[in-house]
Amino acid sequence: MVEHALSLDDQIIVAIRRVSQAVEQYSSYLLQQFGLTAPQLGTLRELQKAASATPGQLAEQLHISPATMAGILKRLEQRALISRVRDEVDRRSSVVRITPEGIRLAESAPSLLRDRFRERLNSLELWERTQLLATLQRTAEMMNADEVEEAPFLYHDTPDSSGRAPPPEAVGRPPSAPTSSARRTTGVRTPK
């Protein structure tokens, strides 16, 4: 492959696109192989840790809005991965529990992309992480992304117009098979 000299601006844009592609590919992989989005898998894993939780507690633990959590729980319940029962103390609210099928699926699914990223992030010095945070916050600001929900997932639970997450067969290829555009960007030289 012939490397083309790119301007510094173009190299930055290519790097952002590579991050975006990595997230998209891993998201597609989770949907294809397990039929779950990252927030759905994160919800199942939170429920594995606790005997039960309210929807509000789950939303708070996962740092997502109650409305987004309601959609996630609806889809998980439709697949019989969770069950909801009335709270014995407050009969107006419900308690969510993971089902045996939900446990099986959560245990067979790979780690979340955010967890893999955190492992590598934690190997950096504090000053490096602080610098990375400042750069990414500035990048998000420059891309007018300051209104995006602040969730610790590298992508969101995005249902189609019917309110369901897309079926596994409707998504792209797993991360082990990069797209041709991802292959083209790997040869980019970084400035010294």
C-alpha atoms as a PDB file:
ATOM      1  CA  MET A   1       0.000   0.000   0.000  1.00  0.00           C
ATOM      2  CA  VAL A   2       1.327   3.441  -0.917  1.00  0.00           C
ATOM      3  CA  GLU A   3       1.227   5.889   1.967  1.00  0.00           C
ATOM      4  CA  HIS A   4      -0.005   9.352   1.150  1.00  0.00           C
ATOM      5  CA  ALA A   5       1.300  12.276   3.137  1.00  0.00           C
ATOM      6  CA  LEU A   6      -1.689  13.781   4.898  1.00  0.00           C
ATOM      7  CA  SER A   7      -1.872  17.174   6.500  1.00  0.00           C
ATOM      8  CA  LEU A   8      -1.986  17.306  10.287  1.00  0.00           C
ATOM      9  CA  ASP A   9      -5.682  18.280  10.101  1.00  0.00           C
ATOM     10  CA  ASP A  10      -6.474  15.269   7.911  1.00  0.00           C
ATOM     11  CA  GLN A  11      -4.541  12.941  10.214  1.00  0.00           C
ATOM     12  CA  ILE A  12      -6.629  14.159  13.162  1.00  0.00           C
ATOM     13  CA  ILE A  13      -9.851  13.585  11.215  1.00  0.00           C
ATOM     14  CA  VAL A  14      -8.681  10.103  10.167  1.00  0.00           C
ATOM     15  CA  ALA A  15      -7.865   9.258  13.799  1.00  0.00           C
ATOM     16  CA  ILE A  16     -11.368  10.341  14.880  1.00  0.00           C
ATOM     17  CA  ARG A  17     -12.869   8.225  12.090  1.00  0.00           C
ATOM     18  CA  ARG A  18     -10.808   5.208  13.181  1.00  0.00           C
ATOM     19  CA  VAL A  19     -12.170   5.547  16.721  1.00  0.00           C
ATOM     20  CA  SER A  20     -15.696   5.823  15.332  1.00  0.00           C
ATOM     21  CA  GLN A  21     -15.195   2.742  13.148  1.00  0.00           C
ATOM     22  CA  ALA A  22     -13.817   0.713  16.057  1.00  0.00           C
ATOM     23  CA  VAL A  23     -16.914   1.557  18.106  1.00  0.00           C
ATOM     24  CA  GLU A  24     -19.267   0.783  15.201  1.00  0.00           C
ATOM     25  CA  GLN A  25     -17.573  -2.540  14.458  1.00  0.00           C
ATOM     26  CA  TYR A  26     -17.642  -3.673  18.080  1.00  0.00           C
ATOM     27  CA  SER A  27     -21.273  -2.588  18.394  1.00  0.00           C
ATOM     28  CA  SER A  28     -22.137  -4.605  15.295  1.00  0.00           C
ATOM     29  CA  TYR A  29     -20.242  -7.591  16.648  1.00  0.00           C
ATOM     30  CA  LEU A  30     -22.211  -7.520  19.936  1.00  0.00           C
ATOM     31  CA  LEU A  31     -25.505  -7.312  18.043  1.00  0.00           C
ATOM     32  CA  GLN A  32     -24.580 -10.049  15.559  1.00  0.00           C
ATOM     33  CA  GLN A  33     -23.193 -12.527  18.024  1.00  0.00           C
ATOM     34  CA  PHE A  34     -25.311 -11.851  21.121  1.00  0.00           C
ATOM     35  CA  GLY A  35     -28.254  -9.706  20.010  1.00  0.00           C
ATOM     36  CA  LEU A  36     -27.376  -7.095  22.634  1.00  0.00           C
ATOM     37  CA  THR A  37     -26.347  -3.470  22.629  1.00  0.00           C
ATOM     38  CA  ALA A  38     -23.618  -2.335  25.048  1.00  0.00           C
ATOM     39  CA  PRO A  39     -26.121  -0.587  27.375  1.00  0.00           C
ATOM     40  CA  GLN A  40     -28.273  -3.751  27.411  1.00  0.00           C
ATOM     41  CA  LEU A  41     -25.256  -5.893  28.281  1.00  0.00           C
ATOM     42  CA  GLY A  42     -24.175  -3.350  30.895  1.00  0.00           C
ATOM     43  CA  THR A  43     -27.654  -3.525  32.435  1.00  0.00           C
ATOM     44  CA  LEU A  44     -27.542  -7.327  32.599  1.00  0.00           C
ATOM     45  CA  ARG A  45     -24.122  -7.206  34.228  1.00  0.00           C
ATOM     46  CA  GLU A  46     -25.334  -4.671  36.825  1.00  0.00           C
ATOM     47  CA  LEU A  47     -28.234  -6.983  37.626  1.00  0.00           C
ATOM     48  CA  GLN A  48     -25.832  -9.914  38.016  1.00  0.00           C
ATOM     49  CA  LYS A  49     -24.043  -7.994  40.793  1.00  0.00           C
ATOM     50  CA  ALA A  50     -27.224  -7.176  42.723  1.00  0.00           C
ATOM     51  CA  ALA A  51     -30.132  -9.422  43.625  1.00  0.00           C
ATOM     52  CA  SER A  52     -32.482  -6.761  42.239  1.00  0.00           C
ATOM     53  CA  ALA A  53     -32.643  -3.067  41.406  1.00  0.00           C
ATOM     54  CA  THR A  54     -35.206  -0.446  40.516  1.00  0.00           C
ATOM     55  CA  PRO A  55     -35.118   1.115  37.044  1.00  0.00           C
ATOM     56  CA  GLY A  56     -34.010   4.390  38.655  1.00  0.00           C
ATOM     57  CA  GLN A  57     -31.123   2.710  40.449  1.00  0.00           C
ATOM     58  CA  LEU A  58     -29.991   1.059  37.212  1.00  0.00           C
ATOM     59  CA  ALA A  59     -30.165   4.363  35.319  1.00  0.00           C
ATOM     60  CA  GLU A  60     -28.078   6.021  38.030  1.00  0.00           C
ATOM     61  CA  GLN A  61     -25.507   3.207  38.173  1.00  0.00           C
ATOM     62  CA  LEU A  62     -25.071   3.203  34.390  1.00  0.00           C
ATOM     63  CA  HIS A  63     -25.206   7.022  34.078  1.00  0.00           C
ATOM     64  CA  ILE A  64     -28.008   7.031  31.515  1.00  0.00           C
ATOM     65  CA  SER A  65     -31.358   8.798  31.495  1.00  0.00           C
ATOM     66  CA  PRO A  66     -34.454   7.131  32.991  1.00  0.00           C
ATOM     67  CA  ALA A  67     -36.133   7.296  29.553  1.00  0.00           C
ATOM     68  CA  THR A  68     -33.248   5.441  27.906  1.00  0.00           C
ATOM     69  CA  MET A  69     -33.267   2.880  30.727  1.00  0.00           C
ATOM     70  CA  ALA A  70     -37.009   2.333  30.248  1.00  0.00           C
ATOM     71  CA  GLY A  71     -36.389   1.417  26.597  1.00  0.00           C
ATOM     72  CA  ILE A  72     -33.507  -0.898  27.499  1.00  0.00           C
ATOM     73  CA  LEU A  73     -35.586  -2.692  30.128  1.00  0.00           C
ATOM     74  CA  LYS A  74     -38.525  -3.046  27.749  1.00  0.00           C
ATOM     75  CA  ARG A  75     -36.348  -4.774  25.149  1.00  0.00           C
ATOM     76  CA  LEU A  76     -34.654  -7.012  27.720  1.00  0.00           C
ATOM     77  CA  GLU A  77     -38.031  -8.004  29.165  1.00  0.00           C
ATOM     78  CA  GLN A  78     -39.399  -8.809  25.687  1.00  0.00           C
ATOM     79  CA  ARG A  79     -36.521 -11.276  25.290  1.00  0.00           C
ATOM     80  CA  ALA A  80     -37.148 -12.772  28.777  1.00  0.00           C
ATOM     81  CA  LEU A  81     -33.677 -11.712  29.948  1.00  0.00           C
ATOM     82  CA  ILE A  82     -35.109  -9.797  32.907  1.00  0.00           C
ATOM     83  CA  SER A  83     -38.316  -9.862  34.905  1.00  0.00           C
ATOM     84  CA  ARG A  84     -40.113  -7.071  36.726  1.00  0.00           C
ATOM     85  CA  VAL A  85     -42.043  -7.478  39.940  1.00  0.00           C
ATOM     86  CA  ARG A  86     -43.807  -4.980  42.184  1.00  0.00           C
ATOM     87  CA  ASP A  87     -41.645  -3.617  44.965  1.00  0.00           C
ATOM     88  CA  GLU A  88     -42.892  -5.107  48.242  1.00  0.00           C
ATOM     89  CA  VAL A  89     -42.139  -1.873  50.118  1.00  0.00           C
ATOM     90  CA  ASP A  90     -43.405   0.650  47.532  1.00  0.00           C
ATOM     91  CA  ARG A  91     -46.173  -1.031  45.525  1.00  0.00           C
ATOM     92  CA  ARG A  92     -46.121   1.858  42.999  1.00  0.00           C
ATOM     93  CA  SER A  93     -42.656   0.964  41.722  1.00  0.00           C
ATOM     94  CA  SER A  94     -41.133  -2.154  40.231  1.00  0.00           C
ATOM     95  CA  VAL A  95     -37.994  -4.123  40.909  1.00  0.00           C
ATOM     96  CA  VAL A  96     -35.954  -5.631  38.086  1.00  0.00           C
ATOM     97  CA  ARG A  97     -34.296  -9.048  38.300  1.00  0.00           C
ATOM     98  CA  ILE A  98     -32.148 -10.914  35.812  1.00  0.00           C
ATOM     99  CA  THR A  99     -33.511 -14.266  34.601  1.00  0.00           C
ATOM    100  CA  PRO A 100     -31.450 -17.461  34.203  1.00  0.00           C
ATOM    101  CA  GLU A 101     -31.362 -16.817  30.427  1.00  0.00           C
ATOM    102  CA  GLY A 102     -30.140 -13.277  31.093  1.00  0.00           C
ATOM    103  CA  ILE A 103     -27.369 -14.644  33.327  1.00  0.00           C
ATOM    104  CA  ARG A 104     -26.361 -17.177  30.667  1.00  0.00           C
ATOM    105  CA  LEU A 105     -26.181 -14.510  27.962  1.00  0.00           C
ATOM    106  CA  ALA A 106     -24.319 -11.999  30.154  1.00  0.00           C
ATOM    107  CA  GLU A 107     -21.733 -14.623  31.097  1.00  0.00           C
ATOM    108  CA  SER A 108     -21.184 -15.749  27.510  1.00  0.00           C
ATOM    109  CA  ALA A 109     -20.827 -12.220  26.087  1.00  0.00           C
ATOM    110  CA  PRO A 110     -17.386 -10.601  25.843  1.00  0.00           C
ATOM    111  CA  SER A 111     -16.291  -7.661  27.914  1.00  0.00           C
ATOM    112  CA  LEU A 112     -17.647  -4.290  26.944  1.00  0.00           C
ATOM    113  CA  LEU A 113     -15.426  -2.107  24.763  1.00  0.00           C
ATOM    114  CA  ARG A 114     -15.396   0.505  27.530  1.00  0.00           C
ATOM    115  CA  ASP A 115     -13.984  -2.082  29.967  1.00  0.00           C
ATOM    116  CA  ARG A 116     -11.160  -3.031  27.613  1.00  0.00           C
ATOM    117  CA  PHE A 117     -10.441   0.651  27.055  1.00  0.00           C
ATOM    118  CA  ARG A 118     -10.423   1.333  30.811  1.00  0.00           C
ATOM    119  CA  GLU A 119      -7.813  -1.380  31.357  1.00  0.00           C
ATOM    120  CA  ARG A 120      -5.468   0.316  28.900  1.00  0.00           C
ATOM    121  CA  LEU A 121      -6.377   3.766  30.187  1.00  0.00           C
ATOM    122  CA  ASN A 122      -5.491   2.789  33.746  1.00  0.00           C
ATOM    123  CA  SER A 123      -1.984   1.813  32.619  1.00  0.00           C
ATOM    124  CA  LEU A 124      -1.313   5.464  31.716  1.00  0.00           C
ATOM    125  CA  GLU A 125       0.109   8.000  34.130  1.00  0.00           C
ATOM    126  CA  LEU A 126      -2.370  10.423  35.715  1.00  0.00           C
ATOM    127  CA  TRP A 127      -0.984  13.348  33.687  1.00  0.00           C
ATOM    128  CA  GLU A 128      -1.479  11.372  30.457  1.00  0.00           C
ATOM    129  CA  ARG A 129      -5.093  10.553  31.332  1.00  0.00           C
ATOM    130  CA  THR A 130      -5.746  14.187  32.283  1.00  0.00           C
ATOM    131  CA  GLN A 131      -4.253  15.388  28.994  1.00  0.00           C
ATOM    132  CA  LEU A 132      -6.292  12.829  27.054  1.00  0.00           C
ATOM    133  CA  LEU A 133      -9.476  13.946  28.831  1.00  0.00           C
ATOM    134  CA  ALA A 134      -8.830  17.608  28.038  1.00  0.00           C
ATOM    135  CA  THR A 135      -8.126  16.816  24.377  1.00  0.00           C
ATOM    136  CA  LEU A 136     -11.248  14.660  24.003  1.00  0.00           C
ATOM    137  CA  GLN A 137     -13.459  17.204  25.762  1.00  0.00           C
ATOM    138  CA  ARG A 138     -12.150  19.895  23.419  1.00  0.00           C
ATOM    139  CA  THR A 139     -12.725  17.595  20.424  1.00  0.00           C
ATOM    140  CA  ALA A 140     -16.308  16.927  21.508  1.00  0.00           C
ATOM    141  CA  GLU A 141     -16.874  20.662  21.928  1.00  0.00           C
ATOM    142  CA  MET A 142     -15.471  21.341  18.447  1.00  0.00           C
ATOM    143  CA  MET A 143     -17.848  18.728  17.015  1.00  0.00           C
ATOM    144  CA  ASN A 144     -20.844  20.306  18.826  1.00  0.00           C
ATOM    145  CA  ALA A 145     -21.288  17.063  20.760  1.00  0.00           C
ATOM    146  CA  ASP A 146     -21.912  18.749  24.113  1.00  0.00           C
ATOM    147  CA  GLU A 147     -25.611  17.819  24.081  1.00  0.00           C
ATOM    148  CA  VAL A 148     -24.964  14.064  23.832  1.00  0.00           C
ATOM    149  CA  GLU A 149     -26.100  12.044  26.839  1.00  0.00           C
ATOM    150  CA  GLU A 150     -23.186  11.439  29.204  1.00  0.00           C
ATOM    151  CA  ALA A 151     -23.175   7.641  29.341  1.00  0.00           C
ATOM    152  CA  PRO A 152     -20.104   5.525  30.018  1.00  0.00           C
ATOM    153  CA  PHE A 153     -20.783   3.410  26.931  1.00  0.00           C
ATOM    154  CA  LEU A 154     -19.020   3.831  23.645  1.00  0.00           C
ATOM    155  CA  TYR A 155     -22.357   3.813  21.833  1.00  0.00           C
ATOM    156  CA  HIS A 156     -26.009   4.014  22.762  1.00  0.00           C
ATOM    157  CA  ASP A 157     -28.982   1.735  22.778  1.00  0.00           C
ATOM    158  CA  THR A 158     -30.554   2.878  19.512  1.00  0.00           C
ATOM    159  CA  PRO A 159     -33.855   1.224  18.683  1.00  0.00           C
ATOM    160  CA  ASP A 160     -35.556   1.449  15.324  1.00  0.00           C
ATOM    161  CA  SER A 161     -38.878   3.261  14.855  1.00  0.00           C
ATOM    162  CA  SER A 162     -40.771   0.286  16.337  1.00  0.00           C
ATOM    163  CA  GLY A 163     -38.925   0.724  19.641  1.00  0.00           C
ATOM    164  CA  ARG A 164     -36.780  -2.408  19.198  1.00  0.00           C
ATOM    165  CA  ALA A 165     -33.036  -2.638  18.824  1.00  0.00           C
ATOM    166  CA  PRO A 166     -32.076  -3.774  15.328  1.00  0.00           C
ATOM    167  CA  PRO A 167     -31.952  -7.555  14.897  1.00  0.00           C
ATOM    168  CA  PRO A 168     -28.487  -9.114  14.784  1.00  0.00           C
ATOM    169  CA  GLU A 169     -28.768  -9.883  11.061  1.00  0.00           C
ATOM    170  CA  ALA A 170     -29.346  -6.185  10.300  1.00  0.00           C
ATOM    171  CA  VAL A 171     -25.908  -5.052  11.392  1.00  0.00           C
ATOM    172  CA  GLY A 172     -22.385  -5.047   9.953  1.00  0.00           C
ATOM    173  CA  ARG A 173     -19.331  -7.254  10.375  1.00  0.00           C
ATOM    174  CA  PRO A 174     -17.495  -8.083  13.638  1.00  0.00           C
ATOM    175  CA  PRO A 175     -14.317  -6.259  14.646  1.00  0.00           C
ATOM    176  CA  SER A 176     -12.131  -9.104  13.380  1.00  0.00           C
ATOM    177  CA  ALA A 177     -13.109  -8.199   9.800  1.00  0.00           C
ATOM    178  CA  PRO A 178     -12.313  -4.512   9.273  1.00  0.00           C
ATOM    179  CA  THR A 179     -13.958  -2.652   6.464  1.00  0.00           C
ATOM    180  CA  SER A 180     -11.950  -1.557   3.449  1.00  0.00           C
ATOM    181  CA  SER A 181     -11.971   2.059   4.667  1.00  0.00           C
ATOM    182  CA  ALA A 182     -10.563   0.944   8.046  1.00  0.00           C
ATOM    183  CA  ARG A 183      -7.767  -0.914   6.216  1.00  0.00           C
ATOM    184  CA  ARG A 184      -6.966   2.218   4.207  1.00  0.00           C
ATOM    185  CA  THR A 185      -6.496   4.342   7.330  1.00  0.00           C
ATOM    186  CA  THR A 186      -4.092   2.056   9.187  1.00  0.00           C
ATOM    187  CA  GLY A 187      -1.073   3.163   7.162  1.00  0.00           C
ATOM    188  CA  VAL A 188      -1.321   6.827   8.179  1.00  0.00           C
ATOM    189  CA  ARG A 189       1.879   8.250   9.642  1.00  0.00           C
ATOM    190  CA  THR A 190       1.675  10.340  12.776  1.00  0.00           C
ATOM    191  CA  PRO A 191       3.618  13.569  13.184  1.00  0.00           C
ATOM    192  CA  LYS A 192       6.843  13.414  15.199  1.00  0.00           C
END
